[in-house]
Amino acid sequence: MTSLKYGTGNDPYCYDNTDVLINKLDINEANINSVHCDYSLLEAIFARCITE
């Protein structure tokens, strides 16, 4: 699929011939809240580390 905003051709981060991102982390409806909490925690830890 082509995108006028970002150019033409297949995006390596999308499934072939679509604009759907590849789900490398197997995130789904059942685990979305857990994943969100984990990444929020990591983001907070990282932010604290770079400000100290």
PDB file of N, CA and C in Angstrom:
ATOM      1  N   MET A   1       0.847  -1.180   0.000  1.00  0.00           N
ATOM      2  CA  MET A   1       0.000   0.000   0.000  1.00  0.00           C
ATOM      3  C   MET A   1       0.889   1.238   0.000  1.00  0.00           C
ATOM      4  N   THR A   2       0.444   2.273  -0.637  1.00  0.00           N
ATOM      5  CA  THR A   2       1.236   3.500  -0.695  1.00  0.00           C
ATOM      6  C   THR A   2       0.663   4.539   0.254  1.00  0.00           C
ATOM      7  N   SER A   3       1.510   5.445   0.653  1.00  0.00           N
ATOM      8  CA  SER A   3       1.109   6.517   1.540  1.00  0.00           C
ATOM      9  C   SER A   3       1.619   7.829   0.972  1.00  0.00           C
ATOM     10  N   LEU A   4       0.728   8.742   0.710  1.00  0.00           N
ATOM     11  CA  LEU A   4       1.141  10.026   0.161  1.00  0.00           C
ATOM     12  C   LEU A   4       1.941  10.835   1.174  1.00  0.00           C
ATOM     13  N   LYS A   5       1.640  10.657   2.445  1.00  0.00           N
ATOM     14  CA  LYS A   5       2.326  11.428   3.469  1.00  0.00           C
ATOM     15  C   LYS A   5       3.778  10.978   3.641  1.00  0.00           C
ATOM     16  N   TYR A   6       4.029   9.691   3.582  1.00  0.00           N
ATOM     17  CA  TYR A   6       5.356   9.173   3.884  1.00  0.00           C
ATOM     18  C   TYR A   6       6.071   8.591   2.673  1.00  0.00           C
ATOM     19  N   GLY A   7       5.558   8.774   1.485  1.00  0.00           N
ATOM     20  CA  GLY A   7       6.231   8.247   0.306  1.00  0.00           C
ATOM     21  C   GLY A   7       5.514   7.025  -0.244  1.00  0.00           C
ATOM     22  N   THR A   8       6.189   6.340  -1.134  1.00  0.00           N
ATOM     23  CA  THR A   8       5.582   5.185  -1.775  1.00  0.00           C
ATOM     24  C   THR A   8       6.367   3.926  -1.451  1.00  0.00           C
ATOM     25  N   GLY A   9       5.771   2.786  -1.741  1.00  0.00           N
ATOM     26  CA  GLY A   9       6.450   1.515  -1.511  1.00  0.00           C
ATOM     27  C   GLY A   9       6.033   0.884  -0.202  1.00  0.00           C
ATOM     28  N   ASN A  10       6.498  -0.331   0.003  1.00  0.00           N
ATOM     29  CA  ASN A  10       6.171  -1.056   1.227  1.00  0.00           C
ATOM     30  C   ASN A  10       7.039  -0.581   2.386  1.00  0.00           C
ATOM     31  N   ASP A  11       6.424  -0.408   3.524  1.00  0.00           N
ATOM     32  CA  ASP A  11       7.121  -0.029   4.738  1.00  0.00           C
ATOM     33  C   ASP A  11       7.620  -1.306   5.413  1.00  0.00           C
ATOM     34  N   PRO A  12       8.887  -1.384   5.788  1.00  0.00           N
ATOM     35  CA  PRO A  12       9.394  -2.614   6.414  1.00  0.00           C
ATOM     36  C   PRO A  12       8.781  -2.888   7.786  1.00  0.00           C
ATOM     37  N   TYR A  13       8.128  -1.903   8.371  1.00  0.00           N
ATOM     38  CA  TYR A  13       7.503  -2.078   9.675  1.00  0.00           C
ATOM     39  C   TYR A  13       6.039  -2.485   9.572  1.00  0.00           C
ATOM     40  N   CYS A  14       5.534  -2.644   8.348  1.00  0.00           N
ATOM     41  CA  CYS A  14       4.140  -3.014   8.117  1.00  0.00           C
ATOM     42  C   CYS A  14       4.051  -4.357   7.413  1.00  0.00           C
ATOM     43  N   TYR A  15       2.897  -5.010   7.578  1.00  0.00           N
ATOM     44  CA  TYR A  15       2.637  -6.223   6.819  1.00  0.00           C
ATOM     45  C   TYR A  15       2.632  -5.865   5.339  1.00  0.00           C
ATOM     46  N   ASP A  16       3.067  -6.805   4.493  1.00  0.00           N
ATOM     47  CA  ASP A  16       3.175  -6.557   3.058  1.00  0.00           C
ATOM     48  C   ASP A  16       1.871  -6.018   2.468  1.00  0.00           C
ATOM     49  N   ASN A  17       2.022  -4.991   1.652  1.00  0.00           N
ATOM     50  CA  ASN A  17       0.920  -4.377   0.909  1.00  0.00           C
ATOM     51  C   ASN A  17      -0.197  -3.830   1.793  1.00  0.00           C
ATOM     52  N   THR A  18       0.142  -3.443   3.026  1.00  0.00           N
ATOM     53  CA  THR A  18      -0.831  -2.822   3.924  1.00  0.00           C
ATOM     54  C   THR A  18      -0.162  -1.650   4.639  1.00  0.00           C
ATOM     55  N   ASP A  19      -0.944  -0.930   5.425  1.00  0.00           N
ATOM     56  CA  ASP A  19      -0.382   0.096   6.305  1.00  0.00           C
ATOM     57  C   ASP A  19      -0.580  -0.302   7.769  1.00  0.00           C
ATOM     58  N   VAL A  20      -0.688  -1.617   8.025  1.00  0.00           N
ATOM     59  CA  VAL A  20      -0.873  -2.171   9.365  1.00  0.00           C
ATOM     60  C   VAL A  20       0.495  -2.551   9.930  1.00  0.00           C
ATOM     61  N   LEU A  21       0.820  -1.988  11.098  1.00  0.00           N
ATOM     62  CA  LEU A  21       2.108  -2.282  11.726  1.00  0.00           C
ATOM     63  C   LEU A  21       2.208  -3.739  12.157  1.00  0.00           C
ATOM     64  N   ILE A  22       3.387  -4.320  12.032  1.00  0.00           N
ATOM     65  CA  ILE A  22       3.639  -5.686  12.465  1.00  0.00           C
ATOM     66  C   ILE A  22       3.683  -5.710  13.993  1.00  0.00           C
ATOM     67  N   ASN A  23       2.979  -6.658  14.584  1.00  0.00           N
ATOM     68  CA  ASN A  23       2.859  -6.780  16.032  1.00  0.00           C
ATOM     69  C   ASN A  23       3.963  -7.694  16.556  1.00  0.00           C
ATOM     70  N   LYS A  24       5.177  -7.172  16.694  1.00  0.00           N
ATOM     71  CA  LYS A  24       6.321  -7.987  17.121  1.00  0.00           C
ATOM     72  C   LYS A  24       6.249  -8.391  18.591  1.00  0.00           C
ATOM     73  N   LEU A  25       5.510  -7.658  19.400  1.00  0.00           N
ATOM     74  CA  LEU A  25       5.431  -7.959  20.834  1.00  0.00           C
ATOM     75  C   LEU A  25       4.212  -8.788  21.205  1.00  0.00           C
ATOM     76  N   ASP A  26       3.434  -9.214  20.208  1.00  0.00           N
ATOM     77  CA  ASP A  26       2.226 -10.023  20.424  1.00  0.00           C
ATOM     78  C   ASP A  26       1.265  -9.344  21.399  1.00  0.00           C
ATOM     79  N   ILE A  27       1.087  -8.051  21.248  1.00  0.00           N
ATOM     80  CA  ILE A  27       0.146  -7.300  22.080  1.00  0.00           C
ATOM     81  C   ILE A  27      -1.254  -7.544  21.537  1.00  0.00           C
ATOM     82  N   ASN A  28      -2.179  -7.863  22.454  1.00  0.00           N
ATOM     83  CA  ASN A  28      -3.567  -8.101  22.067  1.00  0.00           C
ATOM     84  C   ASN A  28      -4.499  -7.567  23.139  1.00  0.00           C
ATOM     85  N   GLU A  29      -5.795  -7.729  22.938  1.00  0.00           N
ATOM     86  CA  GLU A  29      -6.777  -7.187  23.880  1.00  0.00           C
ATOM     87  C   GLU A  29      -6.611  -7.770  25.286  1.00  0.00           C
ATOM     88  N   ALA A  30      -6.185  -9.021  25.381  1.00  0.00           N
ATOM     89  CA  ALA A  30      -6.065  -9.683  26.677  1.00  0.00           C
ATOM     90  C   ALA A  30      -4.913  -9.139  27.512  1.00  0.00           C
ATOM     91  N   ASN A  31      -3.849  -8.661  26.883  1.00  0.00           N
ATOM     92  CA  ASN A  31      -2.685  -8.232  27.657  1.00  0.00           C
ATOM     93  C   ASN A  31      -2.330  -6.756  27.489  1.00  0.00           C
ATOM     94  N   ILE A  32      -3.186  -5.973  26.862  1.00  0.00           N
ATOM     95  CA  ILE A  32      -2.855  -4.574  26.584  1.00  0.00           C
ATOM     96  C   ILE A  32      -2.628  -3.756  27.870  1.00  0.00           C
ATOM     97  N   ASN A  33      -3.425  -3.990  28.896  1.00  0.00           N
ATOM     98  CA  ASN A  33      -3.260  -3.221  30.137  1.00  0.00           C
ATOM     99  C   ASN A  33      -1.948  -3.555  30.830  1.00  0.00           C
ATOM    100  N   SER A  34      -1.583  -4.825  30.843  1.00  0.00           N
ATOM    101  CA  SER A  34      -0.321  -5.244  31.448  1.00  0.00           C
ATOM    102  C   SER A  34       0.860  -4.656  30.692  1.00  0.00           C
ATOM    103  N   VAL A  35       0.801  -4.694  29.383  1.00  0.00           N
ATOM    104  CA  VAL A  35       1.872  -4.140  28.561  1.00  0.00           C
ATOM    105  C   VAL A  35       1.993  -2.640  28.797  1.00  0.00           C
ATOM    106  N   HIS A  36       0.876  -1.952  28.868  1.00  0.00           N
ATOM    107  CA  HIS A  36       0.890  -0.509  29.101  1.00  0.00           C
ATOM    108  C   HIS A  36       1.541  -0.192  30.445  1.00  0.00           C
ATOM    109  N   CYS A  37       1.191  -0.933  31.485  1.00  0.00           N
ATOM    110  CA  CYS A  37       1.777  -0.701  32.811  1.00  0.00           C
ATOM    111  C   CYS A  37       3.279  -0.965  32.800  1.00  0.00           C
ATOM    112  N   ASP A  38       3.692  -2.056  32.156  1.00  0.00           N
ATOM    113  CA  ASP A  38       5.119  -2.388  32.100  1.00  0.00           C
ATOM    114  C   ASP A  38       5.907  -1.291  31.398  1.00  0.00           C
ATOM    115  N   TYR A  39       5.412  -0.825  30.275  1.00  0.00           N
ATOM    116  CA  TYR A  39       6.137   0.207  29.528  1.00  0.00           C
ATOM    117  C   TYR A  39       6.113   1.551  30.248  1.00  0.00           C
ATOM    118  N   SER A  40       5.030   1.844  30.943  1.00  0.00           N
ATOM    119  CA  SER A  40       4.974   3.084  31.721  1.00  0.00           C
ATOM    120  C   SER A  40       6.009   3.051  32.840  1.00  0.00           C
ATOM    121  N   LEU A  41       6.145   1.904  33.489  1.00  0.00           N
ATOM    122  CA  LEU A  41       7.139   1.754  34.549  1.00  0.00           C
ATOM    123  C   LEU A  41       8.550   1.907  33.992  1.00  0.00           C
ATOM    124  N   LEU A  42       8.823   1.262  32.876  1.00  0.00           N
ATOM    125  CA  LEU A  42      10.144   1.386  32.259  1.00  0.00           C
ATOM    126  C   LEU A  42      10.436   2.829  31.853  1.00  0.00           C
ATOM    127  N   GLU A  43       9.443   3.503  31.330  1.00  0.00           N
ATOM    128  CA  GLU A  43       9.623   4.900  30.931  1.00  0.00           C
ATOM    129  C   GLU A  43       9.946   5.771  32.144  1.00  0.00           C
ATOM    130  N   ALA A  44       9.263   5.534  33.263  1.00  0.00           N
ATOM    131  CA  ALA A  44       9.522   6.308  34.475  1.00  0.00           C
ATOM    132  C   ALA A  44      10.921   6.044  35.015  1.00  0.00           C
ATOM    133  N   ILE A  45      11.341   4.789  35.003  1.00  0.00           N
ATOM    134  CA  ILE A  45      12.688   4.440  35.477  1.00  0.00           C
ATOM    135  C   ILE A  45      13.736   5.088  34.582  1.00  0.00           C
ATOM    136  N   PHE A  46      13.543   5.002  33.271  1.00  0.00           N
ATOM    137  CA  PHE A  46      14.494   5.591  32.343  1.00  0.00           C
ATOM    138  C   PHE A  46      14.565   7.112  32.515  1.00  0.00           C
ATOM    139  N   ALA A  47      13.424   7.745  32.678  1.00  0.00           N
ATOM    140  CA  ALA A  47      13.396   9.208  32.846  1.00  0.00           C
ATOM    141  C   ALA A  47      14.139   9.607  34.116  1.00  0.00           C
ATOM    142  N   ARG A  48      13.976   8.820  35.165  1.00  0.00           N
ATOM    143  CA  ARG A  48      14.671   9.135  36.423  1.00  0.00           C
ATOM    144  C   ARG A  48      16.176   8.960  36.261  1.00  0.00           C
ATOM    145  N   CYS A  49      16.586   7.914  35.529  1.00  0.00           N
ATOM    146  CA  CYS A  49      18.016   7.644  35.344  1.00  0.00           C
ATOM    147  C   CYS A  49      18.710   8.751  34.566  1.00  0.00           C
ATOM    148  N   ILE A  50      18.052   9.316  33.573  1.00  0.00           N
ATOM    149  CA  ILE A  50      18.720  10.324  32.765  1.00  0.00           C
ATOM    150  C   ILE A  50      18.682  11.697  33.404  1.00  0.00           C
ATOM    151  N   THR A  51      17.856  11.891  34.447  1.00  0.00           N
ATOM    152  CA  THR A  51      17.812  13.197  35.103  1.00  0.00           C
ATOM    153  C   THR A  51      18.707  13.252  36.333  1.00  0.00           C
ATOM    154  N   GLU A  52      19.226  12.117  36.756  1.00  0.00           N
ATOM    155  CA  GLU A  52      20.099  12.107  37.947  1.00  0.00           C
ATOM    156  C   GLU A  52      21.543  12.346  37.568  1.00  0.00           C
TER     157      GLU A  52
END
